[in-house]
Amino acid sequence: VACAFVRQIDKLPLPVRSAPGFLVNAV
């Protein structure tokens, strides 16, 4: 549902695990 909502507002959803910084901030 969260991914569908993100697409509805014309953004790109990227599923990630819960961990500090996730993907983007962590890199």
mmCIF file of all heavy atoms, coordinates in Angstrom:
data_MODEL
# 
_entry.id   MODEL 
# 
loop_
_atom_site.group_PDB 
_atom_site.id 
_atom_site.type_symbol 
_atom_site.label_atom_id 
_atom_site.label_alt_id 
_atom_site.label_comp_id 
_atom_site.label_asym_id 
_atom_site.label_entity_id 
_atom_site.label_seq_id 
_atom_site.pdbx_PDB_ins_code 
_atom_site.Cartn_x 
_atom_site.Cartn_y 
_atom_site.Cartn_z 
_atom_site.occupancy 
_atom_site.B_iso_or_equiv 
_atom_site.pdbx_formal_charge 
_atom_site.auth_seq_id 
_atom_site.auth_comp_id 
_atom_site.auth_asym_id 
_atom_site.auth_atom_id 
_atom_site.pdbx_PDB_model_num 
ATOM 1   N N   . VAL A 1 1  ? 0.843  -1.202 0.000   1.00 0.00 ? 1  VAL A N   1 
ATOM 2   C CA  . VAL A 1 1  ? 0.000  0.000  0.000   1.00 0.00 ? 1  VAL A CA  1 
ATOM 3   C C   . VAL A 1 1  ? 0.878  1.253  0.000   1.00 0.00 ? 1  VAL A C   1 
ATOM 4   O O   . VAL A 1 1  ? 0.611  2.221  -0.727  1.00 0.00 ? 1  VAL A O   1 
ATOM 5   C CB  . VAL A 1 1  ? -0.951 -0.004 1.211   1.00 0.00 ? 1  VAL A CB  1 
ATOM 6   C CG1 . VAL A 1 1  ? -1.536 1.387  1.460   1.00 0.00 ? 1  VAL A CG1 1 
ATOM 7   C CG2 . VAL A 1 1  ? -2.077 -1.006 1.000   1.00 0.00 ? 1  VAL A CG2 1 
ATOM 8   N N   . ALA A 1 2  ? 1.937  1.235  0.796   1.00 0.00 ? 2  ALA A N   1 
ATOM 9   C CA  . ALA A 1 2  ? 2.851  2.376  0.847   1.00 0.00 ? 2  ALA A CA  1 
ATOM 10  C C   . ALA A 1 2  ? 3.491  2.625  -0.523  1.00 0.00 ? 2  ALA A C   1 
ATOM 11  O O   . ALA A 1 2  ? 3.594  3.772  -0.974  1.00 0.00 ? 2  ALA A O   1 
ATOM 12  C CB  . ALA A 1 2  ? 3.923  2.152  1.903   1.00 0.00 ? 2  ALA A CB  1 
ATOM 13  N N   . CYS A 1 3  ? 3.918  1.545  -1.193  1.00 0.00 ? 3  CYS A N   1 
ATOM 14  C CA  . CYS A 1 3  ? 4.502  1.690  -2.531  1.00 0.00 ? 3  CYS A CA  1 
ATOM 15  C C   . CYS A 1 3  ? 3.468  2.237  -3.517  1.00 0.00 ? 3  CYS A C   1 
ATOM 16  O O   . CYS A 1 3  ? 3.788  3.093  -4.356  1.00 0.00 ? 3  CYS A O   1 
ATOM 17  C CB  . CYS A 1 3  ? 5.040  0.352  -3.025  1.00 0.00 ? 3  CYS A CB  1 
ATOM 18  S SG  . CYS A 1 3  ? 6.535  -0.231 -2.172  1.00 0.00 ? 3  CYS A SG  1 
ATOM 19  N N   . ALA A 1 4  ? 2.230  1.750  -3.423  1.00 0.00 ? 4  ALA A N   1 
ATOM 20  C CA  . ALA A 1 4  ? 1.168  2.232  -4.315  1.00 0.00 ? 4  ALA A CA  1 
ATOM 21  C C   . ALA A 1 4  ? 0.905  3.715  -4.083  1.00 0.00 ? 4  ALA A C   1 
ATOM 22  O O   . ALA A 1 4  ? 0.692  4.482  -5.038  1.00 0.00 ? 4  ALA A O   1 
ATOM 23  C CB  . ALA A 1 4  ? -0.107 1.422  -4.092  1.00 0.00 ? 4  ALA A CB  1 
ATOM 24  N N   . PHE A 1 5  ? 0.917  4.141  -2.819  1.00 0.00 ? 5  PHE A N   1 
ATOM 25  C CA  . PHE A 1 5  ? 0.722  5.554  -2.502  1.00 0.00 ? 5  PHE A CA  1 
ATOM 26  C C   . PHE A 1 5  ? 1.846  6.406  -3.085  1.00 0.00 ? 5  PHE A C   1 
ATOM 27  O O   . PHE A 1 5  ? 1.605  7.473  -3.670  1.00 0.00 ? 5  PHE A O   1 
ATOM 28  C CB  . PHE A 1 5  ? 0.634  5.737  -0.988  1.00 0.00 ? 5  PHE A CB  1 
ATOM 29  C CG  . PHE A 1 5  ? 0.729  7.174  -0.544  1.00 0.00 ? 5  PHE A CG  1 
ATOM 30  C CD1 . PHE A 1 5  ? -0.290 8.065  -0.827  1.00 0.00 ? 5  PHE A CD1 1 
ATOM 31  C CD2 . PHE A 1 5  ? 1.846  7.622  0.154   1.00 0.00 ? 5  PHE A CD2 1 
ATOM 32  C CE1 . PHE A 1 5  ? -0.205 9.395  -0.421  1.00 0.00 ? 5  PHE A CE1 1 
ATOM 33  C CE2 . PHE A 1 5  ? 1.935  8.938  0.563   1.00 0.00 ? 5  PHE A CE2 1 
ATOM 34  C CZ  . PHE A 1 5  ? 0.919  9.833  0.276   1.00 0.00 ? 5  PHE A CZ  1 
ATOM 35  N N   . VAL A 1 6  ? 3.076  5.940  -2.952  1.00 0.00 ? 6  VAL A N   1 
ATOM 36  C CA  . VAL A 1 6  ? 4.225  6.677  -3.492  1.00 0.00 ? 6  VAL A CA  1 
ATOM 37  C C   . VAL A 1 6  ? 4.093  6.833  -5.002  1.00 0.00 ? 6  VAL A C   1 
ATOM 38  O O   . VAL A 1 6  ? 4.362  7.901  -5.570  1.00 0.00 ? 6  VAL A O   1 
ATOM 39  C CB  . VAL A 1 6  ? 5.542  5.987  -3.104  1.00 0.00 ? 6  VAL A CB  1 
ATOM 40  C CG1 . VAL A 1 6  ? 6.731  6.605  -3.835  1.00 0.00 ? 6  VAL A CG1 1 
ATOM 41  C CG2 . VAL A 1 6  ? 5.764  6.073  -1.592  1.00 0.00 ? 6  VAL A CG2 1 
ATOM 42  N N   . ARG A 1 7  ? 3.662  5.789  -5.678  1.00 0.00 ? 7  ARG A N   1 
ATOM 43  C CA  . ARG A 1 7  ? 3.444  5.895  -7.128  1.00 0.00 ? 7  ARG A CA  1 
ATOM 44  C C   . ARG A 1 7  ? 2.287  6.850  -7.437  1.00 0.00 ? 7  ARG A C   1 
ATOM 45  O O   . ARG A 1 7  ? 2.329  7.587  -8.436  1.00 0.00 ? 7  ARG A O   1 
ATOM 46  C CB  . ARG A 1 7  ? 3.135  4.521  -7.734  1.00 0.00 ? 7  ARG A CB  1 
ATOM 47  C CG  . ARG A 1 7  ? 4.330  3.628  -7.854  1.00 0.00 ? 7  ARG A CG  1 
ATOM 48  C CD  . ARG A 1 7  ? 5.429  4.224  -8.744  1.00 0.00 ? 7  ARG A CD  1 
ATOM 49  N NE  . ARG A 1 7  ? 4.944  4.529  -10.080 1.00 0.00 ? 7  ARG A NE  1 
ATOM 50  C CZ  . ARG A 1 7  ? 5.179  5.681  -10.731 1.00 0.00 ? 7  ARG A CZ  1 
ATOM 51  N NH1 . ARG A 1 7  ? 5.872  6.655  -10.160 1.00 0.00 ? 7  ARG A NH1 1 
ATOM 52  N NH2 . ARG A 1 7  ? 4.714  5.876  -11.938 1.00 0.00 ? 7  ARG A NH2 1 
ATOM 53  N N   . GLN A 1 8  ? 1.258  6.841  -6.599  1.00 0.00 ? 8  GLN A N   1 
ATOM 54  C CA  . GLN A 1 8  ? 0.104  7.712  -6.829  1.00 0.00 ? 8  GLN A CA  1 
ATOM 55  C C   . GLN A 1 8  ? 0.520  9.184  -6.808  1.00 0.00 ? 8  GLN A C   1 
ATOM 56  O O   . GLN A 1 8  ? -0.058 10.000 -7.541  1.00 0.00 ? 8  GLN A O   1 
ATOM 57  C CB  . GLN A 1 8  ? -0.974 7.449  -5.774  1.00 0.00 ? 8  GLN A CB  1 
ATOM 58  C CG  . GLN A 1 8  ? -2.289 8.166  -6.057  1.00 0.00 ? 8  GLN A CG  1 
ATOM 59  C CD  . GLN A 1 8  ? -3.322 7.952  -4.956  1.00 0.00 ? 8  GLN A CD  1 
ATOM 60  O OE1 . GLN A 1 8  ? -3.143 7.105  -4.076  1.00 0.00 ? 8  GLN A OE1 1 
ATOM 61  N NE2 . GLN A 1 8  ? -4.397 8.720  -4.994  1.00 0.00 ? 8  GLN A NE2 1 
ATOM 62  N N   . ILE A 1 9  ? 1.508  9.532  -5.984  1.00 0.00 ? 9  ILE A N   1 
ATOM 63  C CA  . ILE A 1 9  ? 1.965  10.919 -5.944  1.00 0.00 ? 9  ILE A CA  1 
ATOM 64  C C   . ILE A 1 9  ? 3.151  11.146 -6.878  1.00 0.00 ? 9  ILE A C   1 
ATOM 65  O O   . ILE A 1 9  ? 3.876  12.143 -6.762  1.00 0.00 ? 9  ILE A O   1 
ATOM 66  C CB  . ILE A 1 9  ? 2.307  11.360 -4.503  1.00 0.00 ? 9  ILE A CB  1 
ATOM 67  C CG1 . ILE A 1 9  ? 3.397  10.479 -3.884  1.00 0.00 ? 9  ILE A CG1 1 
ATOM 68  C CG2 . ILE A 1 9  ? 1.053  11.372 -3.638  1.00 0.00 ? 9  ILE A CG2 1 
ATOM 69  C CD1 . ILE A 1 9  ? 3.906  10.974 -2.544  1.00 0.00 ? 9  ILE A CD1 1 
ATOM 70  N N   . ASP A 1 10 ? 3.337  10.204 -7.808  1.00 0.00 ? 10 ASP A N   1 
ATOM 71  C CA  . ASP A 1 10 ? 4.323  10.356 -8.888  1.00 0.00 ? 10 ASP A CA  1 
ATOM 72  C C   . ASP A 1 10 ? 5.762  10.412 -8.390  1.00 0.00 ? 10 ASP A C   1 
ATOM 73  O O   . ASP A 1 10 ? 6.590  11.159 -8.898  1.00 0.00 ? 10 ASP A O   1 
ATOM 74  C CB  . ASP A 1 10 ? 4.012  11.599 -9.722  1.00 0.00 ? 10 ASP A CB  1 
ATOM 75  C CG  . ASP A 1 10 ? 4.615  11.518 -11.125 1.00 0.00 ? 10 ASP A CG  1 
ATOM 76  O OD1 . ASP A 1 10 ? 4.793  10.396 -11.621 1.00 0.00 ? 10 ASP A OD1 1 
ATOM 77  O OD2 . ASP A 1 10 ? 4.904  12.579 -11.719 1.00 0.00 ? 10 ASP A OD2 1 
ATOM 78  N N   . LYS A 1 11 ? 6.050  9.593  -7.387  1.00 0.00 ? 11 LYS A N   1 
ATOM 79  C CA  . LYS A 1 11 ? 7.421  9.395  -6.929  1.00 0.00 ? 11 LYS A CA  1 
ATOM 80  C C   . LYS A 1 11 ? 7.816  7.942  -7.185  1.00 0.00 ? 11 LYS A C   1 
ATOM 81  O O   . LYS A 1 11 ? 6.986  7.105  -7.536  1.00 0.00 ? 11 LYS A O   1 
ATOM 82  C CB  . LYS A 1 11 ? 7.539  9.727  -5.442  1.00 0.00 ? 11 LYS A CB  1 
ATOM 83  C CG  . LYS A 1 11 ? 7.254  11.173 -5.078  1.00 0.00 ? 11 LYS A CG  1 
ATOM 84  C CD  . LYS A 1 11 ? 8.328  12.123 -5.568  1.00 0.00 ? 11 LYS A CD  1 
ATOM 85  C CE  . LYS A 1 11 ? 8.106  13.548 -5.089  1.00 0.00 ? 11 LYS A CE  1 
ATOM 86  N NZ  . LYS A 1 11 ? 9.131  14.488 -5.620  1.00 0.00 ? 11 LYS A NZ  1 
ATOM 87  N N   . LEU A 1 12 ? 9.110  7.655  -7.000  1.00 0.00 ? 12 LEU A N   1 
ATOM 88  C CA  . LEU A 1 12 ? 9.642  6.316  -7.249  1.00 0.00 ? 12 LEU A CA  1 
ATOM 89  C C   . LEU A 1 12 ? 9.871  5.603  -5.919  1.00 0.00 ? 12 LEU A C   1 
ATOM 90  O O   . LEU A 1 12 ? 10.735 6.020  -5.133  1.00 0.00 ? 12 LEU A O   1 
ATOM 91  C CB  . LEU A 1 12 ? 10.966 6.407  -8.016  1.00 0.00 ? 12 LEU A CB  1 
ATOM 92  C CG  . LEU A 1 12 ? 10.908 7.087  -9.385  1.00 0.00 ? 12 LEU A CG  1 
ATOM 93  C CD1 . LEU A 1 12 ? 12.322 7.250  -9.948  1.00 0.00 ? 12 LEU A CD1 1 
ATOM 94  C CD2 . LEU A 1 12 ? 10.042 6.293  -10.350 1.00 0.00 ? 12 LEU A CD2 1 
ATOM 95  N N   . PRO A 1 13 ? 9.115  4.545  -5.634  1.00 0.00 ? 13 PRO A N   1 
ATOM 96  C CA  . PRO A 1 13 ? 9.303  3.834  -4.361  1.00 0.00 ? 13 PRO A CA  1 
ATOM 97  C C   . PRO A 1 13 ? 10.468 2.844  -4.416  1.00 0.00 ? 13 PRO A C   1 
ATOM 98  O O   . PRO A 1 13 ? 10.614 2.100  -5.389  1.00 0.00 ? 13 PRO A O   1 
ATOM 99  C CB  . PRO A 1 13 ? 7.971  3.096  -4.183  1.00 0.00 ? 13 PRO A CB  1 
ATOM 100 C CG  . PRO A 1 13 ? 7.454  2.881  -5.573  1.00 0.00 ? 13 PRO A CG  1 
ATOM 101 C CD  . PRO A 1 13 ? 7.982  4.004  -6.411  1.00 0.00 ? 13 PRO A CD  1 
ATOM 102 N N   . LEU A 1 14 ? 11.282 2.846  -3.384  1.00 0.00 ? 14 LEU A N   1 
ATOM 103 C CA  . LEU A 1 14 ? 12.364 1.868  -3.251  1.00 0.00 ? 14 LEU A CA  1 
ATOM 104 C C   . LEU A 1 14 ? 12.205 1.148  -1.925  1.00 0.00 ? 14 LEU A C   1 
ATOM 105 O O   . LEU A 1 14 ? 12.429 1.740  -0.857  1.00 0.00 ? 14 LEU A O   1 
ATOM 106 C CB  . LEU A 1 14 ? 13.737 2.545  -3.302  1.00 0.00 ? 14 LEU A CB  1 
ATOM 107 C CG  . LEU A 1 14 ? 14.922 1.604  -3.046  1.00 0.00 ? 14 LEU A CG  1 
ATOM 108 C CD1 . LEU A 1 14 ? 15.079 0.614  -4.194  1.00 0.00 ? 14 LEU A CD1 1 
ATOM 109 C CD2 . LEU A 1 14 ? 16.207 2.394  -2.823  1.00 0.00 ? 14 LEU A CD2 1 
ATOM 110 N N   . PRO A 1 15 ? 11.811 -0.123 -1.933  1.00 0.00 ? 15 PRO A N   1 
ATOM 111 C CA  . PRO A 1 15 ? 11.704 -0.866 -0.678  1.00 0.00 ? 15 PRO A CA  1 
ATOM 112 C C   . PRO A 1 15 ? 13.080 -1.082 -0.049  1.00 0.00 ? 15 PRO A C   1 
ATOM 113 O O   . PRO A 1 15 ? 14.019 -1.536 -0.719  1.00 0.00 ? 15 PRO A O   1 
ATOM 114 C CB  . PRO A 1 15 ? 11.072 -2.202 -1.110  1.00 0.00 ? 15 PRO A CB  1 
ATOM 115 C CG  . PRO A 1 15 ? 10.434 -1.921 -2.440  1.00 0.00 ? 15 PRO A CG  1 
ATOM 116 C CD  . PRO A 1 15 ? 11.310 -0.903 -3.083  1.00 0.00 ? 15 PRO A CD  1 
ATOM 117 N N   . VAL A 1 16 ? 13.217 -0.741 1.237   1.00 0.00 ? 16 VAL A N   1 
ATOM 118 C CA  . VAL A 1 16 ? 14.472 -0.925 1.972   1.00 0.00 ? 16 VAL A CA  1 
ATOM 119 C C   . VAL A 1 16 ? 14.157 -1.500 3.346   1.00 0.00 ? 16 VAL A C   1 
ATOM 120 O O   . VAL A 1 16 ? 13.040 -1.409 3.839   1.00 0.00 ? 16 VAL A O   1 
ATOM 121 C CB  . VAL A 1 16 ? 15.249 0.406  2.130   1.00 0.00 ? 16 VAL A CB  1 
ATOM 122 C CG1 . VAL A 1 16 ? 15.654 0.967  0.794   1.00 0.00 ? 16 VAL A CG1 1 
ATOM 123 C CG2 . VAL A 1 16 ? 14.432 1.430  2.915   1.00 0.00 ? 16 VAL A CG2 1 
ATOM 124 N N   . ARG A 1 17 ? 15.161 -2.100 3.956   1.00 0.00 ? 17 ARG A N   1 
ATOM 125 C CA  . ARG A 1 17 ? 15.019 -2.610 5.314   1.00 0.00 ? 17 ARG A CA  1 
ATOM 126 C C   . ARG A 1 17 ? 15.185 -1.485 6.319   1.00 0.00 ? 17 ARG A C   1 
ATOM 127 O O   . ARG A 1 17 ? 15.769 -0.439 6.025   1.00 0.00 ? 17 ARG A O   1 
ATOM 128 C CB  . ARG A 1 17 ? 16.062 -3.691 5.581   1.00 0.00 ? 17 ARG A CB  1 
ATOM 129 C CG  . ARG A 1 17 ? 15.691 -5.070 5.037   1.00 0.00 ? 17 ARG A CG  1 
ATOM 130 C CD  . ARG A 1 17 ? 16.754 -6.096 5.427   1.00 0.00 ? 17 ARG A CD  1 
ATOM 131 N NE  . ARG A 1 17 ? 17.104 -5.991 6.839   1.00 0.00 ? 17 ARG A NE  1 
ATOM 132 C CZ  . ARG A 1 17 ? 18.334 -6.147 7.324   1.00 0.00 ? 17 ARG A CZ  1 
ATOM 133 N NH1 . ARG A 1 17 ? 19.330 -6.422 6.499   1.00 0.00 ? 17 ARG A NH1 1 
ATOM 134 N NH2 . ARG A 1 17 ? 18.568 -6.063 8.610   1.00 0.00 ? 17 ARG A NH2 1 
ATOM 135 N N   . SER A 1 18 ? 14.707 -1.718 7.524   1.00 0.00 ? 18 SER A N   1 
ATOM 136 C CA  . SER A 1 18 ? 14.837 -0.742 8.594   1.00 0.00 ? 18 SER A CA  1 
ATOM 137 C C   . SER A 1 18 ? 16.218 -0.877 9.239   1.00 0.00 ? 18 SER A C   1 
ATOM 138 O O   . SER A 1 18 ? 16.517 -1.877 9.889   1.00 0.00 ? 18 SER A O   1 
ATOM 139 C CB  . SER A 1 18 ? 13.744 -0.969 9.645   1.00 0.00 ? 18 SER A CB  1 
ATOM 140 O OG  . SER A 1 18 ? 13.929 -0.121 10.751  1.00 0.00 ? 18 SER A OG  1 
ATOM 141 N N   . ALA A 1 19 ? 17.055 0.124  9.025   1.00 0.00 ? 19 ALA A N   1 
ATOM 142 C CA  . ALA A 1 19 ? 18.384 0.186  9.629   1.00 0.00 ? 19 ALA A CA  1 
ATOM 143 C C   . ALA A 1 19 ? 18.833 1.632  9.548   1.00 0.00 ? 19 ALA A C   1 
ATOM 144 O O   . ALA A 1 19 ? 18.338 2.392  8.705   1.00 0.00 ? 19 ALA A O   1 
ATOM 145 C CB  . ALA A 1 19 ? 19.361 -0.730 8.878   1.00 0.00 ? 19 ALA A CB  1 
ATOM 146 N N   . PRO A 1 20 ? 19.745 2.071  10.412  1.00 0.00 ? 20 PRO A N   1 
ATOM 147 C CA  . PRO A 1 20 ? 20.138 3.480  10.433  1.00 0.00 ? 20 PRO A CA  1 
ATOM 148 C C   . PRO A 1 20 ? 20.562 3.994  9.054   1.00 0.00 ? 20 PRO A C   1 
ATOM 149 O O   . PRO A 1 20 ? 21.423 3.415  8.397   1.00 0.00 ? 20 PRO A O   1 
ATOM 150 C CB  . PRO A 1 20 ? 21.323 3.492  11.412  1.00 0.00 ? 20 PRO A CB  1 
ATOM 151 C CG  . PRO A 1 20 ? 21.052 2.342  12.323  1.00 0.00 ? 20 PRO A CG  1 
ATOM 152 C CD  . PRO A 1 20 ? 20.419 1.293  11.460  1.00 0.00 ? 20 PRO A CD  1 
ATOM 153 N N   . GLY A 1 21 ? 19.933 5.091  8.611   1.00 0.00 ? 21 GLY A N   1 
ATOM 154 C CA  . GLY A 1 21 ? 20.278 5.712  7.339   1.00 0.00 ? 21 GLY A CA  1 
ATOM 155 C C   . GLY A 1 21 ? 19.647 5.058  6.137   1.00 0.00 ? 21 GLY A C   1 
ATOM 156 O O   . GLY A 1 21 ? 19.758 5.581  5.032   1.00 0.00 ? 21 GLY A O   1 
ATOM 157 N N   . PHE A 1 22 ? 19.021 3.882  6.354   1.00 0.00 ? 22 PHE A N   1 
ATOM 158 C CA  . PHE A 1 22 ? 18.434 3.126  5.234   1.00 0.00 ? 22 PHE A CA  1 
ATOM 159 C C   . PHE A 1 22 ? 19.496 2.974  4.136   1.00 0.00 ? 22 PHE A C   1 
ATOM 160 O O   . PHE A 1 22 ? 20.618 2.569  4.440   1.00 0.00 ? 22 PHE A O   1 
ATOM 161 C CB  . PHE A 1 22 ? 17.145 3.787  4.745   1.00 0.00 ? 22 PHE A CB  1 
ATOM 162 C CG  . PHE A 1 22 ? 16.197 4.133  5.861   1.00 0.00 ? 22 PHE A CG  1 
ATOM 163 C CD1 . PHE A 1 22 ? 15.660 5.401  5.987   1.00 0.00 ? 22 PHE A CD1 1 
ATOM 164 C CD2 . PHE A 1 22 ? 15.886 3.190  6.824   1.00 0.00 ? 22 PHE A CD2 1 
ATOM 165 C CE1 . PHE A 1 22 ? 14.809 5.726  7.034   1.00 0.00 ? 22 PHE A CE1 1 
ATOM 166 C CE2 . PHE A 1 22 ? 15.030 3.494  7.888   1.00 0.00 ? 22 PHE A CE2 1 
ATOM 167 C CZ  . PHE A 1 22 ? 14.501 4.769  7.979   1.00 0.00 ? 22 PHE A CZ  1 
ATOM 168 N N   . LEU A 1 23 ? 19.169 3.289  2.878   1.00 0.00 ? 23 LEU A N   1 
ATOM 169 C CA  . LEU A 1 23 ? 20.183 3.174  1.820   1.00 0.00 ? 23 LEU A CA  1 
ATOM 170 C C   . LEU A 1 23 ? 20.862 4.515  1.557   1.00 0.00 ? 23 LEU A C   1 
ATOM 171 O O   . LEU A 1 23 ? 22.082 4.654  1.687   1.00 0.00 ? 23 LEU A O   1 
ATOM 172 C CB  . LEU A 1 23 ? 19.550 2.656  0.522   1.00 0.00 ? 23 LEU A CB  1 
ATOM 173 C CG  . LEU A 1 23 ? 20.505 2.647  -0.686  1.00 0.00 ? 23 LEU A CG  1 
ATOM 174 C CD1 . LEU A 1 23 ? 21.583 1.572  -0.527  1.00 0.00 ? 23 LEU A CD1 1 
ATOM 175 C CD2 . LEU A 1 23 ? 19.751 2.453  -1.992  1.00 0.00 ? 23 LEU A CD2 1 
ATOM 176 N N   . VAL A 1 24 ? 20.070 5.518  1.197   1.00 0.00 ? 24 VAL A N   1 
ATOM 177 C CA  . VAL A 1 24 ? 20.644 6.746  0.637   1.00 0.00 ? 24 VAL A CA  1 
ATOM 178 C C   . VAL A 1 24 ? 21.497 7.498  1.651   1.00 0.00 ? 24 VAL A C   1 
ATOM 179 O O   . VAL A 1 24 ? 22.657 7.838  1.372   1.00 0.00 ? 24 VAL A O   1 
ATOM 180 C CB  . VAL A 1 24 ? 19.520 7.644  0.074   1.00 0.00 ? 24 VAL A CB  1 
ATOM 181 C CG1 . VAL A 1 24 ? 20.077 9.010  -0.335  1.00 0.00 ? 24 VAL A CG1 1 
ATOM 182 C CG2 . VAL A 1 24 ? 18.850 6.961  -1.115  1.00 0.00 ? 24 VAL A CG2 1 
ATOM 183 N N   . ASN A 1 25 ? 20.957 7.782  2.828   1.00 0.00 ? 25 ASN A N   1 
ATOM 184 C CA  . ASN A 1 25 ? 21.754 8.512  3.818   1.00 0.00 ? 25 ASN A CA  1 
ATOM 185 C C   . ASN A 1 25 ? 22.954 7.695  4.283   1.00 0.00 ? 25 ASN A C   1 
ATOM 186 O O   . ASN A 1 25 ? 24.015 8.249  4.606   1.00 0.00 ? 25 ASN A O   1 
ATOM 187 C CB  . ASN A 1 25 ? 20.887 8.889  5.021   1.00 0.00 ? 25 ASN A CB  1 
ATOM 188 C CG  . ASN A 1 25 ? 19.933 10.024 4.695   1.00 0.00 ? 25 ASN A CG  1 
ATOM 189 O OD1 . ASN A 1 25 ? 20.092 10.708 3.688   1.00 0.00 ? 25 ASN A OD1 1 
ATOM 190 N ND2 . ASN A 1 25 ? 18.937 10.231 5.538   1.00 0.00 ? 25 ASN A ND2 1 
ATOM 191 N N   . ALA A 1 26 ? 22.795 6.389  4.300   1.00 0.00 ? 26 ALA A N   1 
ATOM 192 C CA  . ALA A 1 26 ? 23.901 5.526  4.745   1.00 0.00 ? 26 ALA A CA  1 
ATOM 193 C C   . ALA A 1 26 ? 25.076 5.567  3.777   1.00 0.00 ? 26 ALA A C   1 
ATOM 194 O O   . ALA A 1 26 ? 26.232 5.432  4.205   1.00 0.00 ? 26 ALA A O   1 
ATOM 195 C CB  . ALA A 1 26 ? 23.409 4.097  4.915   1.00 0.00 ? 26 ALA A CB  1 
ATOM 196 N N   . VAL A 1 27 ? 24.807 5.738  2.469   1.00 0.00 ? 27 VAL A N   1 
ATOM 197 C CA  . VAL A 1 27 ? 25.928 5.790  1.518   1.00 0.00 ? 27 VAL A CA  1 
ATOM 198 C C   . VAL A 1 27 ? 26.491 7.203  1.400   1.00 0.00 ? 27 VAL A C   1 
ATOM 199 O O   . VAL A 1 27 ? 27.666 7.383  1.067   1.00 0.00 ? 27 VAL A O   1 
ATOM 200 C CB  . VAL A 1 27 ? 25.526 5.257  0.123   1.00 0.00 ? 27 VAL A CB  1 
ATOM 201 C CG1 . VAL A 1 27 ? 24.967 3.852  0.227   1.00 0.00 ? 27 VAL A CG1 1 
ATOM 202 C CG2 . VAL A 1 27 ? 24.554 6.171  -0.602  1.00 0.00 ? 27 VAL A CG2 1 
# 
